[in-house]
Amino acid sequence: MNKTAVKYGIFTGFAVIVYLFAFYLYDKTLMRSSAVIWSTVFIYFIGMFAGAVSVHRNRGTEEELPFRQMVAVPFIVFLITNAYYIFFFYWIMNVYDLELLEIHQTLSHQEHIEYYKGEEIISEIRKMKPEDYTPTFGGSVKRYIFGIIGGFPLALLIGMVVRRT
């Protein structure tokens, strides 16, 4: 079961990187857009679902898998895929393409100013410089941990759906 989850996690992580890199090659600013970033959730979902279905179908004549195991497979796929995503995002910004980092910094600063417009915190946001939006290793780890919080309900949903089929 864990081998299947790892296999699907690696494959799905690679698919996310290829997807993002295709947007990068087409237009750097598009790769960094929230629409493209959030659309990767669809790839996560497909990989998680495929992994759970694979384990569910390959159980053979064994008794039905416990629900905990049905949730564990898509969750492991999510954890591995998200690690690929976080590492890729950090690597492409800080190592591979510093121009993309500058684009990211400028766009992030502008987006924060627009988002907090009219609120008390806007004066603090305006004081920030684009360099303050550089993805750091610690920030990437924090994003990974927060991603876990979002990945578990998705794994739970997939586990419930697959188990009922």
N, C-alpha and C. Protein backbone atom coordinates (compact mmCIF):
# COMPACT_ATOMS: atom_id res chain seq x y z
N MET A 1 0.83 -1.19 0.00
CA MET A 1 0.00 0.00 0.00
C MET A 1 0.87 1.26 0.00
N ASN A 2 1.88 1.30 0.87
CA ASN A 2 2.74 2.49 0.93
C ASN A 2 3.56 2.66 -0.33
N LYS A 3 3.98 1.54 -0.95
CA LYS A 3 4.72 1.63 -2.21
C LYS A 3 3.86 2.27 -3.29
N THR A 4 2.61 1.90 -3.32
CA THR A 4 1.69 2.48 -4.30
C THR A 4 1.52 3.97 -4.05
N ALA A 5 1.35 4.35 -2.80
CA ALA A 5 1.19 5.77 -2.47
C ALA A 5 2.44 6.57 -2.85
N VAL A 6 3.61 6.02 -2.56
CA VAL A 6 4.86 6.70 -2.91
C VAL A 6 4.99 6.82 -4.42
N LYS A 7 4.68 5.73 -5.13
CA LYS A 7 4.76 5.74 -6.60
C LYS A 7 3.86 6.83 -7.18
N TYR A 8 2.62 6.88 -6.72
CA TYR A 8 1.69 7.88 -7.23
C TYR A 8 2.09 9.30 -6.77
N GLY A 9 2.66 9.41 -5.60
CA GLY A 9 3.12 10.71 -5.12
C GLY A 9 4.25 11.26 -5.98
N ILE A 10 5.21 10.40 -6.32
CA ILE A 10 6.33 10.82 -7.16
C ILE A 10 5.83 11.19 -8.55
N PHE A 11 4.97 10.36 -9.11
CA PHE A 11 4.44 10.63 -10.44
C PHE A 11 3.63 11.94 -10.46
N THR A 12 2.79 12.13 -9.46
CA THR A 12 1.96 13.34 -9.40
C THR A 12 2.82 14.58 -9.16
N GLY A 13 3.82 14.47 -8.29
CA GLY A 13 4.74 15.58 -8.07
C GLY A 13 5.45 15.98 -9.34
N PHE A 14 5.90 14.98 -10.10
CA PHE A 14 6.56 15.25 -11.38
C PHE A 14 5.58 15.93 -12.35
N ALA A 15 4.33 15.47 -12.36
CA ALA A 15 3.32 16.07 -13.25
C ALA A 15 3.09 17.54 -12.90
N VAL A 16 3.06 17.86 -11.62
CA VAL A 16 2.88 19.25 -11.19
C VAL A 16 4.05 20.10 -11.65
N ILE A 17 5.27 19.59 -11.52
CA ILE A 17 6.45 20.34 -11.95
C ILE A 17 6.43 20.56 -13.46
N VAL A 18 6.10 19.54 -14.22
CA VAL A 18 6.03 19.68 -15.68
C VAL A 18 4.96 20.71 -16.06
N TYR A 19 3.83 20.65 -15.39
CA TYR A 19 2.74 21.60 -15.64
C TYR A 19 3.19 23.04 -15.39
N LEU A 20 3.79 23.27 -14.24
CA LEU A 20 4.25 24.62 -13.90
C LEU A 20 5.38 25.07 -14.82
N PHE A 21 6.29 24.15 -15.16
CA PHE A 21 7.40 24.52 -16.02
C PHE A 21 6.92 24.85 -17.43
N ALA A 22 5.85 24.21 -17.88
CA ALA A 22 5.27 24.55 -19.19
C ALA A 22 4.77 25.99 -19.18
N PHE A 23 4.11 26.40 -18.11
CA PHE A 23 3.68 27.79 -17.99
C PHE A 23 4.88 28.72 -17.89
N TYR A 24 5.90 28.29 -17.19
CA TYR A 24 7.11 29.08 -17.07
C TYR A 24 7.73 29.34 -18.45
N LEU A 25 7.80 28.30 -19.26
CA LEU A 25 8.38 28.45 -20.60
C LEU A 25 7.52 29.35 -21.48
N TYR A 26 6.21 29.29 -21.29
CA TYR A 26 5.30 30.10 -22.09
C TYR A 26 5.35 31.57 -21.66
N ASP A 27 5.21 31.80 -20.36
CA ASP A 27 5.20 33.17 -19.83
C ASP A 27 5.47 33.10 -18.32
N LYS A 28 6.58 33.67 -17.89
CA LYS A 28 6.99 33.59 -16.48
C LYS A 28 5.94 34.15 -15.54
N THR A 29 5.34 35.27 -15.90
CA THR A 29 4.36 35.86 -15.00
C THR A 29 3.12 34.99 -14.89
N LEU A 30 2.80 34.26 -15.95
CA LEU A 30 1.64 33.38 -15.92
C LEU A 30 1.86 32.20 -14.97
N MET A 31 3.09 31.68 -14.95
CA MET A 31 3.40 30.57 -14.05
C MET A 31 3.17 30.95 -12.59
N ARG A 32 3.43 32.18 -12.27
CA ARG A 32 3.34 32.66 -10.91
C ARG A 32 1.93 33.13 -10.54
N SER A 33 1.02 33.17 -11.50
CA SER A 33 -0.33 33.66 -11.23
C SER A 33 -1.10 32.72 -10.30
N SER A 34 -2.00 33.29 -9.55
CA SER A 34 -2.76 32.47 -8.60
C SER A 34 -3.65 31.46 -9.32
N ALA A 35 -4.13 31.77 -10.50
CA ALA A 35 -4.97 30.83 -11.24
C ALA A 35 -4.19 29.56 -11.60
N VAL A 36 -2.97 29.73 -12.05
CA VAL A 36 -2.14 28.57 -12.40
C VAL A 36 -1.75 27.81 -11.13
N ILE A 37 -1.36 28.52 -10.11
CA ILE A 37 -0.96 27.87 -8.85
C ILE A 37 -2.13 27.04 -8.29
N TRP A 38 -3.31 27.63 -8.22
CA TRP A 38 -4.46 26.91 -7.67
C TRP A 38 -4.94 25.79 -8.59
N SER A 39 -4.69 25.91 -9.89
CA SER A 39 -5.13 24.84 -10.80
C SER A 39 -4.32 23.56 -10.60
N THR A 40 -3.17 23.65 -9.93
CA THR A 40 -2.40 22.44 -9.65
C THR A 40 -3.16 21.52 -8.69
N VAL A 41 -4.10 22.05 -7.96
CA VAL A 41 -4.91 21.22 -7.05
C VAL A 41 -5.63 20.13 -7.84
N PHE A 42 -6.01 20.43 -9.07
CA PHE A 42 -6.67 19.44 -9.92
C PHE A 42 -5.72 18.26 -10.18
N ILE A 43 -4.45 18.55 -10.43
CA ILE A 43 -3.46 17.49 -10.65
C ILE A 43 -3.26 16.69 -9.36
N TYR A 44 -3.18 17.39 -8.24
CA TYR A 44 -3.08 16.72 -6.94
C TYR A 44 -4.26 15.74 -6.79
N PHE A 45 -5.46 16.23 -7.05
CA PHE A 45 -6.67 15.44 -6.89
C PHE A 45 -6.63 14.18 -7.75
N ILE A 46 -6.24 14.34 -9.01
CA ILE A 46 -6.18 13.18 -9.91
C ILE A 46 -5.19 12.14 -9.38
N GLY A 47 -4.01 12.57 -8.97
CA GLY A 47 -3.01 11.64 -8.45
C GLY A 47 -3.46 10.96 -7.17
N MET A 48 -4.06 11.73 -6.28
CA MET A 48 -4.53 11.17 -5.02
C MET A 48 -5.65 10.16 -5.26
N PHE A 49 -6.56 10.52 -6.13
CA PHE A 49 -7.69 9.64 -6.44
C PHE A 49 -7.19 8.37 -7.12
N ALA A 50 -6.29 8.51 -8.09
CA ALA A 50 -5.77 7.34 -8.80
C ALA A 50 -5.03 6.40 -7.84
N GLY A 51 -4.26 6.95 -6.92
CA GLY A 51 -3.56 6.12 -5.95
C GLY A 51 -4.53 5.37 -5.06
N ALA A 52 -5.56 6.05 -4.59
CA ALA A 52 -6.55 5.40 -3.72
C ALA A 52 -7.32 4.32 -4.47
N VAL A 53 -7.70 4.60 -5.71
CA VAL A 53 -8.42 3.60 -6.51
C VAL A 53 -7.54 2.40 -6.78
N SER A 54 -6.27 2.63 -7.06
CA SER A 54 -5.33 1.54 -7.33
C SER A 54 -5.22 0.61 -6.13
N VAL A 55 -5.08 1.15 -4.95
CA VAL A 55 -4.98 0.33 -3.75
C VAL A 55 -6.29 -0.39 -3.49
N HIS A 56 -7.40 0.31 -3.70
CA HIS A 56 -8.72 -0.28 -3.47
C HIS A 56 -8.98 -1.45 -4.41
N ARG A 57 -8.60 -1.32 -5.66
CA ARG A 57 -8.83 -2.37 -6.66
C ARG A 57 -7.86 -3.52 -6.52
N ASN A 58 -6.64 -3.26 -6.09
CA ASN A 58 -5.61 -4.30 -6.01
C ASN A 58 -5.61 -5.05 -4.69
N ARG A 59 -6.61 -4.87 -3.90
CA ARG A 59 -6.62 -5.55 -2.61
C ARG A 59 -6.92 -7.04 -2.78
N GLY A 60 -7.38 -7.45 -3.97
CA GLY A 60 -7.60 -8.86 -4.28
C GLY A 60 -8.70 -9.46 -3.44
N THR A 61 -8.43 -10.62 -2.89
CA THR A 61 -9.45 -11.34 -2.13
C THR A 61 -9.40 -10.98 -0.65
N GLU A 62 -8.51 -10.06 -0.31
CA GLU A 62 -8.42 -9.65 1.09
C GLU A 62 -9.71 -8.97 1.52
N GLU A 63 -9.88 -8.86 2.79
CA GLU A 63 -11.03 -8.13 3.29
C GLU A 63 -10.88 -6.65 2.98
N GLU A 64 -11.95 -5.93 3.10
CA GLU A 64 -11.95 -4.51 2.76
C GLU A 64 -10.93 -3.75 3.62
N LEU A 65 -10.25 -2.80 2.96
CA LEU A 65 -9.26 -1.99 3.67
C LEU A 65 -9.94 -1.13 4.71
N PRO A 66 -9.33 -0.97 5.86
CA PRO A 66 -9.87 -0.07 6.86
C PRO A 66 -9.89 1.37 6.32
N PHE A 67 -10.83 2.13 6.80
CA PHE A 67 -10.98 3.51 6.32
C PHE A 67 -9.70 4.31 6.54
N ARG A 68 -9.03 4.05 7.64
CA ARG A 68 -7.79 4.78 7.94
C ARG A 68 -6.75 4.58 6.83
N GLN A 69 -6.66 3.36 6.33
CA GLN A 69 -5.72 3.09 5.24
C GLN A 69 -6.20 3.72 3.93
N MET A 70 -7.49 3.79 3.73
CA MET A 70 -8.03 4.41 2.51
C MET A 70 -7.77 5.91 2.50
N VAL A 71 -7.65 6.52 3.65
CA VAL A 71 -7.31 7.95 3.74
C VAL A 71 -5.80 8.13 3.67
N ALA A 72 -5.05 7.17 4.19
CA ALA A 72 -3.59 7.28 4.23
C ALA A 72 -2.99 7.34 2.83
N VAL A 73 -3.50 6.56 1.90
CA VAL A 73 -2.92 6.52 0.56
C VAL A 73 -3.00 7.88 -0.13
N PRO A 74 -4.17 8.48 -0.26
CA PRO A 74 -4.19 9.80 -0.92
C PRO A 74 -3.44 10.87 -0.12
N PHE A 75 -3.39 10.72 1.20
CA PHE A 75 -2.68 11.71 2.00
C PHE A 75 -1.17 11.61 1.76
N ILE A 76 -0.65 10.40 1.66
CA ILE A 76 0.78 10.23 1.37
C ILE A 76 1.09 10.78 -0.02
N VAL A 77 0.20 10.52 -0.98
CA VAL A 77 0.38 11.08 -2.33
C VAL A 77 0.43 12.60 -2.24
N PHE A 78 -0.46 13.18 -1.46
CA PHE A 78 -0.49 14.63 -1.30
C PHE A 78 0.82 15.14 -0.69
N LEU A 79 1.29 14.50 0.36
CA LEU A 79 2.51 14.94 1.04
C LEU A 79 3.71 14.94 0.10
N ILE A 80 3.85 13.90 -0.69
CA ILE A 80 4.97 13.80 -1.62
C ILE A 80 4.83 14.83 -2.73
N THR A 81 3.65 14.94 -3.29
CA THR A 81 3.41 15.91 -4.37
C THR A 81 3.65 17.32 -3.88
N ASN A 82 3.18 17.63 -2.70
CA ASN A 82 3.36 18.98 -2.16
C ASN A 82 4.83 19.28 -1.89
N ALA A 83 5.59 18.27 -1.48
CA ALA A 83 7.03 18.47 -1.29
C ALA A 83 7.70 18.80 -2.62
N TYR A 84 7.31 18.10 -3.68
CA TYR A 84 7.82 18.42 -5.01
C TYR A 84 7.49 19.86 -5.38
N TYR A 85 6.24 20.24 -5.18
CA TYR A 85 5.78 21.58 -5.54
C TYR A 85 6.56 22.66 -4.78
N ILE A 86 6.65 22.51 -3.47
CA ILE A 86 7.32 23.51 -2.64
C ILE A 86 8.79 23.61 -3.01
N PHE A 87 9.44 22.47 -3.19
CA PHE A 87 10.86 22.48 -3.57
C PHE A 87 11.04 23.15 -4.94
N PHE A 88 10.19 22.83 -5.90
CA PHE A 88 10.29 23.42 -7.23
C PHE A 88 10.11 24.92 -7.18
N PHE A 89 9.11 25.38 -6.47
CA PHE A 89 8.84 26.82 -6.37
C PHE A 89 10.03 27.54 -5.74
N TYR A 90 10.57 26.99 -4.68
CA TYR A 90 11.74 27.59 -4.02
C TYR A 90 12.94 27.58 -4.96
N TRP A 91 13.19 26.44 -5.60
CA TRP A 91 14.35 26.29 -6.47
C TRP A 91 14.29 27.22 -7.68
N ILE A 92 13.15 27.27 -8.33
CA ILE A 92 13.07 28.08 -9.56
C ILE A 92 13.22 29.57 -9.25
N MET A 93 12.77 30.00 -8.09
CA MET A 93 12.86 31.42 -7.72
C MET A 93 14.25 31.79 -7.20
N ASN A 94 14.85 30.94 -6.41
CA ASN A 94 16.09 31.29 -5.73
C ASN A 94 17.36 30.78 -6.40
N VAL A 95 17.25 29.81 -7.28
CA VAL A 95 18.44 29.24 -7.90
C VAL A 95 18.42 29.38 -9.42
N TYR A 96 17.33 28.97 -10.02
CA TYR A 96 17.28 28.84 -11.48
C TYR A 96 17.09 30.16 -12.21
N ASP A 97 16.16 31.00 -11.76
CA ASP A 97 15.83 32.21 -12.51
C ASP A 97 15.58 33.38 -11.58
N LEU A 98 16.58 34.22 -11.42
CA LEU A 98 16.45 35.38 -10.55
C LEU A 98 15.52 36.44 -11.15
N GLU A 99 15.34 36.43 -12.46
CA GLU A 99 14.39 37.35 -13.09
C GLU A 99 12.97 37.00 -12.64
N LEU A 100 12.66 35.71 -12.57
CA LEU A 100 11.36 35.28 -12.08
C LEU A 100 11.17 35.70 -10.62
N LEU A 101 12.25 35.64 -9.85
CA LEU A 101 12.19 36.10 -8.45
C LEU A 101 11.81 37.57 -8.39
N GLU A 102 12.41 38.39 -9.23
CA GLU A 102 12.08 39.82 -9.27
C GLU A 102 10.62 40.04 -9.66
N ILE A 103 10.16 39.28 -10.64
CA ILE A 103 8.75 39.38 -11.06
C ILE A 103 7.85 39.00 -9.89
N HIS A 104 8.18 37.92 -9.21
CA HIS A 104 7.40 37.45 -8.07
C HIS A 104 7.36 38.50 -6.96
N GLN A 105 8.51 39.09 -6.66
CA GLN A 105 8.58 40.09 -5.60
C GLN A 105 7.71 41.30 -5.93
N THR A 106 7.82 41.79 -7.14
CA THR A 106 7.05 42.96 -7.55
C THR A 106 5.56 42.67 -7.54
N LEU A 107 5.17 41.55 -8.12
CA LEU A 107 3.74 41.20 -8.17
C LEU A 107 3.18 40.95 -6.77
N SER A 108 3.94 40.28 -5.93
CA SER A 108 3.47 40.02 -4.56
C SER A 108 3.27 41.31 -3.79
N HIS A 109 4.19 42.23 -3.95
CA HIS A 109 4.07 43.52 -3.27
C HIS A 109 2.82 44.27 -3.75
N GLN A 110 2.61 44.30 -5.05
CA GLN A 110 1.43 44.98 -5.60
C GLN A 110 0.14 44.31 -5.15
N GLU A 111 0.13 42.97 -5.15
CA GLU A 111 -1.07 42.24 -4.72
C GLU A 111 -1.39 42.51 -3.26
N HIS A 112 -0.38 42.59 -2.41
CA HIS A 112 -0.62 42.88 -0.99
C HIS A 112 -1.16 44.29 -0.80
N ILE A 113 -0.65 45.23 -1.54
CA ILE A 113 -1.15 46.60 -1.44
C ILE A 113 -2.62 46.65 -1.86
N GLU A 114 -2.96 45.96 -2.94
CA GLU A 114 -4.36 45.93 -3.39
C GLU A 114 -5.26 45.21 -2.39
N TYR A 115 -4.77 44.10 -1.85
CA TYR A 115 -5.57 43.29 -0.93
C TYR A 115 -5.88 44.03 0.37
N TYR A 116 -4.90 44.75 0.90
CA TYR A 116 -5.07 45.42 2.18
C TYR A 116 -5.48 46.88 2.05
N LYS A 117 -5.85 47.29 0.86
CA LYS A 117 -6.26 48.67 0.63
C LYS A 117 -7.43 49.03 1.55
N GLY A 118 -7.32 50.16 2.22
CA GLY A 118 -8.39 50.62 3.10
C GLY A 118 -8.36 50.03 4.50
N GLU A 119 -7.41 49.18 4.81
CA GLU A 119 -7.31 48.60 6.15
C GLU A 119 -6.15 49.26 6.90
N GLU A 120 -6.15 49.09 8.21
CA GLU A 120 -5.13 49.71 9.05
C GLU A 120 -3.72 49.24 8.71
N ILE A 121 -3.58 48.02 8.31
CA ILE A 121 -2.26 47.43 8.06
C ILE A 121 -1.61 47.96 6.77
N ILE A 122 -2.35 48.68 5.96
CA ILE A 122 -1.84 49.14 4.67
C ILE A 122 -0.57 49.98 4.81
N SER A 123 -0.45 50.76 5.87
CA SER A 123 0.76 51.57 6.05
C SER A 123 1.99 50.67 6.24
N GLU A 124 1.82 49.55 6.95
CA GLU A 124 2.92 48.61 7.12
C GLU A 124 3.27 47.92 5.80
N ILE A 125 2.25 47.59 5.02
CA ILE A 125 2.47 46.94 3.73
C ILE A 125 3.22 47.88 2.79
N ARG A 126 2.86 49.13 2.79
CA ARG A 126 3.52 50.10 1.91
C ARG A 126 4.99 50.30 2.28
N LYS A 127 5.32 50.11 3.55
CA LYS A 127 6.71 50.25 3.99
C LYS A 127 7.58 49.09 3.50
N MET A 128 6.95 47.97 3.19
CA MET A 128 7.71 46.80 2.75
C MET A 128 8.31 47.04 1.37
N LYS A 129 9.41 46.39 1.11
CA LYS A 129 10.07 46.47 -0.18
C LYS A 129 9.81 45.16 -0.93
N PRO A 130 9.91 45.19 -2.24
CA PRO A 130 9.73 43.94 -2.99
C PRO A 130 10.66 42.81 -2.52
N GLU A 131 11.85 43.16 -2.05
CA GLU A 131 12.79 42.14 -1.59
C GLU A 131 12.27 41.36 -0.39
N ASP A 132 11.31 41.95 0.32
CA ASP A 132 10.73 41.28 1.48
C ASP A 132 9.87 40.08 1.09
N TYR A 133 9.61 39.90 -0.20
CA TYR A 133 8.76 38.81 -0.68
C TYR A 133 9.57 37.67 -1.30
N THR A 134 10.82 37.57 -0.91
CA THR A 134 11.68 36.49 -1.41
C THR A 134 11.30 35.18 -0.71
N PRO A 135 11.02 34.12 -1.49
CA PRO A 135 10.74 32.84 -0.86
C PRO A 135 11.98 32.32 -0.12
N THR A 136 11.83 32.04 1.14
CA THR A 136 12.93 31.52 1.95
C THR A 136 12.70 30.03 2.22
N PHE A 137 13.73 29.37 2.67
CA PHE A 137 13.58 27.95 3.00
C PHE A 137 12.59 27.77 4.15
N GLY A 138 12.73 28.62 5.18
CA GLY A 138 11.80 28.55 6.32
C GLY A 138 10.36 28.84 5.90
N GLY A 139 10.20 29.82 5.04
CA GLY A 139 8.86 30.14 4.53
C GLY A 139 8.29 29.00 3.71
N SER A 140 9.16 28.32 2.97
CA SER A 140 8.72 27.18 2.17
C SER A 140 8.27 26.03 3.06
N VAL A 141 9.00 25.79 4.14
CA VAL A 141 8.61 24.75 5.09
C VAL A 141 7.26 25.11 5.72
N LYS A 142 7.09 26.37 6.06
CA LYS A 142 5.82 26.84 6.64
C LYS A 142 4.67 26.62 5.65
N ARG A 143 4.88 26.94 4.37
CA ARG A 143 3.86 26.71 3.35
C ARG A 143 3.54 25.23 3.24
N TYR A 144 4.56 24.38 3.34
CA TYR A 144 4.35 22.94 3.27
C TYR A 144 3.47 22.47 4.43
N ILE A 145 3.76 22.96 5.61
CA ILE A 145 2.97 22.57 6.79
C ILE A 145 1.53 23.05 6.67
N PHE A 146 1.33 24.28 6.22
CA PHE A 146 -0.04 24.76 6.03
C PHE A 146 -0.74 23.98 4.92
N GLY A 147 0.02 23.52 3.94
CA GLY A 147 -0.56 22.69 2.89
C GLY A 147 -1.09 21.38 3.43
N ILE A 148 -0.41 20.85 4.43
CA ILE A 148 -0.86 19.60 5.05
C ILE A 148 -2.27 19.77 5.61
N ILE A 149 -2.52 20.92 6.18
CA ILE A 149 -3.85 21.20 6.75
C ILE A 149 -4.92 21.13 5.67
N GLY A 150 -4.61 21.62 4.48
CA GLY A 150 -5.56 21.57 3.37
C GLY A 150 -5.61 20.21 2.70
N GLY A 151 -4.52 19.47 2.75
CA GLY A 151 -4.46 18.17 2.08
C GLY A 151 -5.23 17.08 2.80
N PHE A 152 -5.31 17.17 4.11
CA PHE A 152 -5.99 16.11 4.84
C PHE A 152 -7.49 16.04 4.53
N PRO A 153 -8.23 17.16 4.52
CA PRO A 153 -9.65 17.05 4.17
C PRO A 153 -9.86 16.50 2.75
N LEU A 154 -8.97 16.85 1.84
CA LEU A 154 -9.07 16.33 0.48
C LEU A 154 -8.84 14.82 0.48
N ALA A 155 -7.85 14.36 1.22
CA ALA A 155 -7.60 12.91 1.34
C ALA A 155 -8.76 12.20 2.00
N LEU A 156 -9.35 12.82 3.00
CA LEU A 156 -10.51 12.25 3.68
C LEU A 156 -11.68 12.09 2.71
N LEU A 157 -11.94 13.11 1.92
CA LEU A 157 -13.01 13.06 0.93
C LEU A 157 -12.75 11.97 -0.10
N ILE A 158 -11.55 11.89 -0.60
CA ILE A 158 -11.21 10.87 -1.59
C ILE A 158 -11.34 9.48 -0.98
N GLY A 159 -10.86 9.30 0.24
CA GLY A 159 -10.98 8.01 0.92
C GLY A 159 -12.44 7.58 1.06
N MET A 160 -13.32 8.51 1.42
CA MET A 160 -14.75 8.19 1.57
C MET A 160 -15.35 7.80 0.21
N VAL A 161 -15.04 8.53 -0.83
CA VAL A 161 -15.61 8.25 -2.15
C VAL A 161 -15.12 6.91 -2.67
N VAL A 162 -13.82 6.65 -2.58
CA VAL A 162 -13.26 5.41 -3.12
C VAL A 162 -13.74 4.20 -2.34
N ARG A 163 -13.86 4.34 -1.06
CA ARG A 163 -14.29 3.20 -0.23
C ARG A 163 -15.73 2.80 -0.54
N ARG A 164 -16.54 3.76 -0.95
CA ARG A 164 -17.94 3.45 -1.25
C ARG A 164 -18.11 2.81 -2.62
N THR A 165 -17.08 2.88 -3.46
CA THR A 165 -17.21 2.28 -4.81
C THR A 165 -16.89 0.82 -4.80
